[in-house]
Amino acid sequence: MRKRWVVLGALSLAAGALFILNTSWLARPSGALMLLAHRGVHQDYHRENLTNKTCTASRIYEPTHAYLENTLPSIRAAFAANADMVEIDIHPTTDGEFAVFHDWTLECRTDGEGVTRAQSMAYLRTLDIGYGYTADGGATFPFRGQGVGLMPTLREVLEAFPGRRFLINFKSAEADEADRVLAYLEAMDNADLARLAFYGAAPADRIRELRPDLVTTGRRQLMACAKSYMLTGWFGNVDDACRNRIVFVPSNYAWLAWGWPNRFLARMQDAGSEVVIVAALRRGERLTAAGIDDEAAFAAVPPGWRGGVATDRIEVIGPLAQERWAQ
């Protein structure tokens, strides 16, 4: 009997210590809410039965604005809607540039053909990037003719928005693309790499190898961070897998993170990382940066949250965030 009480007492002490180490009550993360706008203000689309081959331009919702993703006007509109960071997609071109465009090939969204990175920037500038958008199965194409010449270079984006933050998404898995983009950026007068973060697989790993001071993220890196933190984060440890990262956390799994929300956030901030809440992850889905896109989803963001929130609809979430923090 005495042995049983000793065991129960030890378990109670352990539970108490675990609670004290991970309670958010006394944690004080720094900073303010950070809004990450995916592709700027853009035409959102139905996500039912999506695959990697789905042409998302062919399933957009009825347009409520005229902005097209990954363009200077869409990025400008995102910052005007209170975005703190904008995610953009890049491809190297045959003439030494980096095109800001999402798709691996051109046929879905534009009037061009072929693999995006197999083209010159001179050719890509001639394309109509609004050519393939339709909300009614191809009966009408509301942006056809309006996107000619709107595909920008990475240089043009960074020069148009000095001091603004960007998450640069590598669309390939080629590690040497990191070497190319770093050389490209370092050759610019005012690239200011400290305002940039990099998303991807092998290219992001290579960025971390070449420039460990820069912020990187990606599915593989996030899984390594999650596994490490689940094993050792309960006593406050944050190892290298979680340092200098953007750590995306699905809203419905956030409670699993030791010390959620404020203690976890403070630990990651101390490790040089930002925590960004993303949309709820359904069973069997891969972790993505899918957005918090409506009032109901945004209501689930913890009160007083000083981390990040990713959204595909910054024009909706930006005003909601401003209203919440003005109260």
Protein backbone atom coordinates (compact mmCIF):
# COMPACT_ATOMS: atom_id res chain seq x y z
CA MET A 1 0.00 0.00 0.00
CA ARG A 2 2.78 2.41 0.93
CA LYS A 3 4.53 1.69 -2.37
CA ARG A 4 1.35 2.60 -4.23
CA TRP A 5 1.18 5.98 -2.51
CA VAL A 6 4.80 6.65 -3.30
CA VAL A 7 4.15 5.91 -6.97
CA LEU A 8 1.03 8.09 -7.01
CA GLY A 9 2.91 10.88 -5.30
CA ALA A 10 5.75 10.69 -7.82
CA LEU A 11 3.28 10.73 -10.71
CA SER A 12 1.51 13.74 -9.20
CA LEU A 13 4.80 15.61 -8.83
CA ALA A 14 5.73 14.76 -12.42
CA ALA A 15 2.35 15.93 -13.69
CA GLY A 16 2.67 19.15 -11.72
CA ALA A 17 6.15 19.80 -13.03
CA LEU A 18 4.97 19.11 -16.57
CA PHE A 19 2.11 21.56 -16.11
CA ILE A 20 4.35 24.29 -14.70
CA LEU A 21 6.91 23.85 -17.47
CA ASN A 22 4.28 24.13 -20.19
CA THR A 23 1.61 26.47 -18.88
CA SER A 24 1.00 29.56 -21.01
CA TRP A 25 -0.16 31.73 -18.13
CA LEU A 26 3.21 33.30 -17.40
CA ALA A 27 4.67 33.16 -20.93
CA ARG A 28 5.08 36.53 -22.66
CA PRO A 29 5.83 36.17 -26.38
CA SER A 30 7.11 39.30 -28.10
CA GLY A 31 5.94 41.09 -31.21
CA ALA A 32 2.49 41.37 -32.76
CA LEU A 33 0.21 39.41 -35.04
CA MET A 34 1.83 38.63 -38.41
CA LEU A 35 -0.37 37.98 -41.47
CA LEU A 36 1.09 35.87 -44.28
CA ALA A 37 -0.75 36.32 -47.58
CA HIS A 38 -0.47 33.33 -49.89
CA ARG A 39 0.22 34.55 -53.48
CA GLY A 40 -1.08 38.03 -52.64
CA VAL A 41 -4.71 38.91 -53.34
CA HIS A 42 -5.78 36.32 -55.89
CA GLN A 43 -8.64 34.33 -57.33
CA ASP A 44 -9.48 31.56 -54.87
CA TYR A 45 -10.81 28.21 -56.05
CA HIS A 46 -12.73 25.08 -55.10
CA ARG A 47 -10.51 22.52 -53.36
CA GLU A 48 -12.62 19.39 -53.69
CA ASN A 49 -10.70 16.42 -55.15
CA LEU A 50 -7.57 18.44 -55.85
CA THR A 51 -4.51 16.66 -57.21
CA ASN A 52 -1.10 17.93 -58.28
CA LYS A 53 -2.39 17.95 -61.87
CA THR A 54 -5.56 19.97 -61.22
CA CYS A 55 -5.77 23.24 -63.12
CA THR A 56 -6.97 25.53 -60.33
CA ALA A 57 -7.60 28.43 -62.74
CA SER A 58 -10.41 26.37 -64.26
CA ARG A 59 -12.32 26.14 -60.95
CA ILE A 60 -12.19 29.63 -59.44
CA TYR A 61 -15.09 31.07 -57.50
CA GLU A 62 -17.13 33.85 -59.09
CA PRO A 63 -14.68 36.79 -59.11
CA THR A 64 -15.16 39.60 -56.59
CA HIS A 65 -12.02 41.50 -57.61
CA ALA A 66 -9.67 41.74 -60.59
CA TYR A 67 -6.35 40.66 -59.01
CA LEU A 68 -4.28 37.76 -60.33
CA GLU A 69 -1.81 35.90 -58.12
CA ASN A 70 1.94 36.53 -58.10
CA THR A 71 1.67 39.94 -59.77
CA LEU A 72 2.74 43.39 -58.61
CA PRO A 73 -0.88 44.63 -58.32
CA SER A 74 -1.90 41.56 -56.26
CA ILE A 75 1.09 41.97 -53.92
CA ARG A 76 0.40 45.69 -53.52
CA ALA A 77 -3.23 44.94 -52.68
CA ALA A 78 -2.15 42.33 -50.11
CA PHE A 79 0.07 44.78 -48.27
CA ALA A 80 -2.70 47.38 -48.42
CA ALA A 81 -5.00 44.80 -46.77
CA ASN A 82 -2.60 44.50 -43.79
CA ALA A 83 -0.37 41.64 -44.92
CA ASP A 84 3.01 41.59 -43.18
CA MET A 85 4.51 38.99 -45.52
CA VAL A 86 3.54 37.72 -48.97
CA GLU A 87 4.31 34.25 -50.31
CA ILE A 88 5.46 34.15 -53.94
CA ASP A 89 6.52 31.30 -56.25
CA ILE A 90 9.64 31.34 -58.41
CA HIS A 91 11.12 29.54 -61.43
CA PRO A 92 14.54 30.11 -63.02
CA THR A 93 14.43 31.09 -66.69
CA THR A 94 16.78 30.34 -69.55
CA ASP A 95 18.03 33.94 -69.66
CA GLY A 96 19.19 34.20 -66.04
CA GLU A 97 16.08 35.60 -64.41
CA PHE A 98 13.63 34.21 -61.86
CA ALA A 99 10.00 34.40 -62.94
CA VAL A 100 7.35 34.87 -60.27
CA PHE A 101 4.68 32.36 -61.26
CA HIS A 102 3.08 29.36 -59.59
CA ASP A 103 2.62 26.61 -62.17
CA TRP A 104 5.23 24.14 -63.36
CA THR A 105 3.78 24.42 -66.88
CA LEU A 106 2.07 27.28 -68.71
CA GLU A 107 -1.02 25.71 -70.24
CA CYS A 108 -3.42 26.03 -67.27
CA ARG A 109 -3.19 29.72 -66.54
CA THR A 110 -1.73 31.29 -69.67
CA ASP A 111 -1.94 31.21 -73.46
CA GLY A 112 1.57 29.75 -73.61
CA GLU A 113 2.88 26.20 -73.73
CA GLY A 114 5.68 24.23 -72.11
CA VAL A 115 7.52 23.97 -68.82
CA THR A 116 7.88 27.38 -67.19
CA ARG A 117 11.59 27.05 -66.40
CA ALA A 118 12.36 25.98 -69.95
CA GLN A 119 11.40 29.46 -71.24
CA SER A 120 13.12 32.82 -71.39
CA MET A 121 11.78 35.73 -69.40
CA ALA A 122 11.45 37.58 -72.68
CA TYR A 123 8.93 34.97 -73.84
CA LEU A 124 7.12 34.76 -70.50
CA ARG A 125 6.50 38.52 -70.60
CA THR A 126 4.48 38.12 -73.81
CA LEU A 127 1.96 35.76 -72.19
CA ASP A 128 -1.52 36.52 -70.91
CA ILE A 129 -1.47 35.10 -67.36
CA GLY A 130 -5.22 35.63 -67.03
CA TYR A 131 -6.06 33.57 -70.09
CA GLY A 132 -7.23 30.34 -68.45
CA TYR A 133 -9.35 31.55 -65.53
CA THR A 134 -13.00 30.51 -65.57
CA ALA A 135 -15.70 30.25 -62.92
CA ASP A 136 -18.34 28.57 -65.08
CA GLY A 137 -16.62 25.60 -66.65
CA GLY A 138 -15.27 27.49 -69.64
CA ALA A 139 -18.40 29.37 -70.72
CA THR A 140 -16.64 32.66 -69.97
CA PHE A 141 -13.07 33.74 -69.23
CA PRO A 142 -13.33 36.99 -67.25
CA PHE A 143 -9.59 37.80 -67.17
CA ARG A 144 -8.64 36.84 -70.70
CA GLY A 145 -6.67 39.67 -72.28
CA GLN A 146 -6.10 41.43 -68.95
CA GLY A 147 -2.92 39.64 -67.88
CA VAL A 148 -0.59 40.30 -70.80
CA GLY A 149 2.88 41.20 -69.53
CA LEU A 150 1.96 40.90 -65.85
CA MET A 151 4.35 38.06 -64.95
CA PRO A 152 7.13 39.82 -62.98
CA THR A 153 10.68 38.86 -62.15
CA LEU A 154 11.84 38.32 -58.58
CA ARG A 155 14.03 41.41 -58.96
CA GLU A 156 11.03 43.54 -59.94
CA VAL A 157 9.02 42.32 -56.95
CA LEU A 158 11.75 43.04 -54.43
CA GLU A 159 12.55 46.44 -55.93
CA ALA A 160 8.87 47.41 -56.04
CA PHE A 161 8.41 46.68 -52.32
CA PRO A 162 11.59 47.68 -50.47
CA GLY A 163 11.64 46.64 -46.84
CA ARG A 164 8.65 44.34 -47.24
CA ARG A 165 8.83 40.69 -46.26
CA PHE A 166 8.45 37.74 -48.64
CA LEU A 167 8.30 33.97 -48.35
CA ILE A 168 9.94 32.64 -51.52
CA ASN A 169 8.63 29.24 -52.61
CA PHE A 170 10.95 27.11 -54.74
CA LYS A 171 8.80 25.10 -57.14
CA SER A 172 11.52 22.55 -57.91
CA ALA A 173 13.41 20.00 -55.83
CA GLU A 174 16.80 20.88 -57.36
CA ALA A 175 19.25 21.80 -54.60
CA ASP A 176 21.49 23.91 -56.85
CA GLU A 177 18.61 26.31 -57.42
CA ALA A 178 19.47 27.70 -53.99
CA ASP A 179 22.99 28.59 -55.17
CA ARG A 180 21.52 30.33 -58.19
CA VAL A 181 18.97 32.36 -56.28
CA LEU A 182 21.49 33.43 -53.62
CA ALA A 183 23.91 34.61 -56.31
CA TYR A 184 21.02 36.43 -58.00
CA LEU A 185 19.96 38.15 -54.78
CA GLU A 186 23.46 39.02 -53.65
CA ALA A 187 24.07 40.74 -57.00
CA MET A 188 21.15 43.10 -56.32
CA ASP A 189 21.84 46.44 -54.66
CA ASN A 190 19.02 46.31 -52.12
CA ALA A 191 17.82 42.72 -51.88
CA ASP A 192 18.07 42.75 -48.04
CA LEU A 193 18.03 39.00 -47.51
CA ALA A 194 17.05 39.38 -43.85
CA ARG A 195 13.50 40.22 -44.96
CA LEU A 196 13.19 36.97 -46.92
CA ALA A 197 12.31 33.40 -45.96
CA PHE A 198 12.57 30.36 -48.21
CA TYR A 199 10.16 27.43 -48.62
CA GLY A 200 10.92 24.15 -50.35
CA ALA A 201 12.63 20.78 -50.13
CA ALA A 202 16.22 20.39 -51.31
CA PRO A 203 16.65 24.08 -52.27
CA ALA A 204 15.60 25.23 -48.79
CA ASP A 205 17.96 22.69 -47.20
CA ARG A 206 20.76 24.03 -49.39
CA ILE A 207 19.92 27.63 -48.37
CA ARG A 208 20.27 26.55 -44.74
CA GLU A 209 23.63 24.97 -45.51
CA LEU A 210 24.95 28.05 -47.31
CA ARG A 211 23.33 30.70 -45.13
CA PRO A 212 22.25 29.29 -41.73
CA ASP A 213 21.29 32.81 -40.66
CA LEU A 214 18.40 32.86 -43.14
CA VAL A 215 14.91 31.54 -42.37
CA THR A 216 13.84 28.37 -44.19
CA THR A 217 10.87 26.03 -44.07
CA GLY A 218 9.24 23.13 -45.92
CA ARG A 219 7.29 19.95 -45.31
CA ARG A 220 10.31 17.79 -44.53
CA GLN A 221 11.80 20.39 -42.22
CA LEU A 222 8.47 20.87 -40.46
CA MET A 223 8.06 17.15 -39.84
CA ALA A 224 11.58 16.96 -38.38
CA CYS A 225 10.80 19.90 -36.12
CA ALA A 226 7.48 18.40 -35.00
CA LYS A 227 9.01 15.02 -34.13
CA SER A 228 11.87 16.61 -32.25
CA TYR A 229 9.67 18.95 -30.28
CA MET A 230 7.15 16.29 -29.34
CA LEU A 231 9.98 14.21 -27.86
CA THR A 232 11.90 16.89 -25.97
CA GLY A 233 9.84 20.08 -26.03
CA TRP A 234 8.00 19.18 -22.83
CA PHE A 235 10.95 20.45 -20.78
CA GLY A 236 11.54 23.49 -22.99
CA ASN A 237 14.12 22.10 -25.38
CA VAL A 238 14.09 23.44 -28.96
CA ASP A 239 16.75 21.76 -31.08
CA ASP A 240 18.26 22.74 -34.42
CA ALA A 241 15.41 21.22 -36.43
CA CYS A 242 13.15 24.02 -35.17
CA ARG A 243 15.61 26.93 -35.24
CA ASN A 244 15.45 29.74 -37.81
CA ARG A 245 12.26 28.37 -39.30
CA ILE A 246 8.76 29.39 -40.13
CA VAL A 247 6.86 26.72 -38.20
CA PHE A 248 3.42 26.09 -39.71
CA VAL A 249 0.89 24.67 -37.24
CA PRO A 250 -2.55 23.36 -38.36
CA SER A 251 -5.23 24.96 -36.22
CA ASN A 252 -6.80 21.64 -35.22
CA TYR A 253 -3.50 20.06 -34.10
CA ALA A 254 -2.02 23.08 -32.32
CA TRP A 255 -3.05 21.77 -28.89
CA LEU A 256 -0.54 18.92 -29.28
CA ALA A 257 2.40 21.35 -29.13
CA TRP A 258 3.91 21.47 -25.65
CA GLY A 259 3.09 24.86 -24.10
CA TRP A 260 0.50 25.90 -26.68
CA PRO A 261 -0.12 28.71 -27.36
CA ASN A 262 2.06 31.28 -25.60
CA ARG A 263 4.77 29.11 -24.05
CA PHE A 264 5.28 27.31 -27.37
CA LEU A 265 5.38 30.60 -29.27
CA ALA A 266 7.88 32.14 -26.84
CA ARG A 267 10.16 29.11 -27.12
CA MET A 268 10.12 29.26 -30.91
CA GLN A 269 10.74 33.01 -30.90
CA ASP A 270 13.75 32.49 -28.65
CA ALA A 271 15.03 29.99 -31.24
CA GLY A 272 14.70 32.58 -34.03
CA SER A 273 11.57 31.00 -35.50
CA GLU A 274 8.09 32.26 -36.30
CA VAL A 275 4.96 30.21 -35.67
CA VAL A 276 2.23 30.52 -38.30
CA ILE A 277 -1.24 29.04 -37.83
CA VAL A 278 -2.66 27.41 -40.98
CA ALA A 279 -6.01 25.83 -41.84
CA ALA A 280 -7.25 22.69 -40.12
CA LEU A 281 -5.65 19.55 -41.53
CA ARG A 282 -8.01 16.75 -42.50
CA ARG A 283 -7.09 13.12 -41.96
CA GLY A 284 -4.74 11.86 -44.65
CA GLU A 285 -3.82 15.35 -45.94
CA ARG A 286 -0.25 16.54 -46.22
CA LEU A 287 0.76 19.62 -44.25
CA THR A 288 0.48 22.74 -46.40
CA ALA A 289 0.28 26.47 -45.84
CA ALA A 290 -3.45 26.50 -46.67
CA GLY A 291 -5.03 29.56 -45.20
CA ILE A 292 -7.30 30.74 -42.43
CA ASP A 293 -9.80 32.23 -44.84
CA ASP A 294 -13.06 33.19 -43.14
CA GLU A 295 -14.43 34.68 -39.94
CA ALA A 296 -15.16 31.30 -38.32
CA ALA A 297 -11.64 29.99 -38.90
CA PHE A 298 -10.11 33.26 -37.72
CA ALA A 299 -12.17 33.11 -34.52
CA ALA A 300 -10.19 29.99 -33.56
CA VAL A 301 -6.92 31.96 -33.47
CA PRO A 302 -5.99 32.33 -29.77
CA PRO A 303 -6.89 35.72 -28.23
CA GLY A 304 -3.89 38.02 -28.14
CA TRP A 305 -1.93 35.76 -30.51
CA ARG A 306 1.46 37.32 -31.32
CA GLY A 307 2.50 34.79 -33.94
CA GLY A 308 1.52 34.41 -37.57
CA VAL A 309 -1.64 33.52 -39.45
CA ALA A 310 -1.52 32.31 -43.07
CA THR A 311 -4.39 33.17 -45.37
CA ASP A 312 -5.46 32.78 -48.98
CA ARG A 313 -7.90 35.65 -48.50
CA ILE A 314 -5.97 38.53 -47.02
CA GLU A 315 -8.70 40.89 -48.25
CA VAL A 316 -11.04 39.15 -45.75
CA ILE A 317 -8.69 38.34 -42.85
CA GLY A 318 -6.74 41.61 -42.90
CA PRO A 319 -9.72 43.77 -41.88
CA LEU A 320 -10.85 41.14 -39.32
CA ALA A 321 -7.41 41.20 -37.71
CA GLN A 322 -7.34 44.98 -37.61
CA GLU A 323 -10.78 45.01 -35.99
CA ARG A 324 -9.83 42.41 -33.36
CA TRP A 325 -6.62 44.12 -32.27
CA ALA A 326 -8.25 47.54 -32.21
CA GLN A 327 -10.60 46.37 -29.45
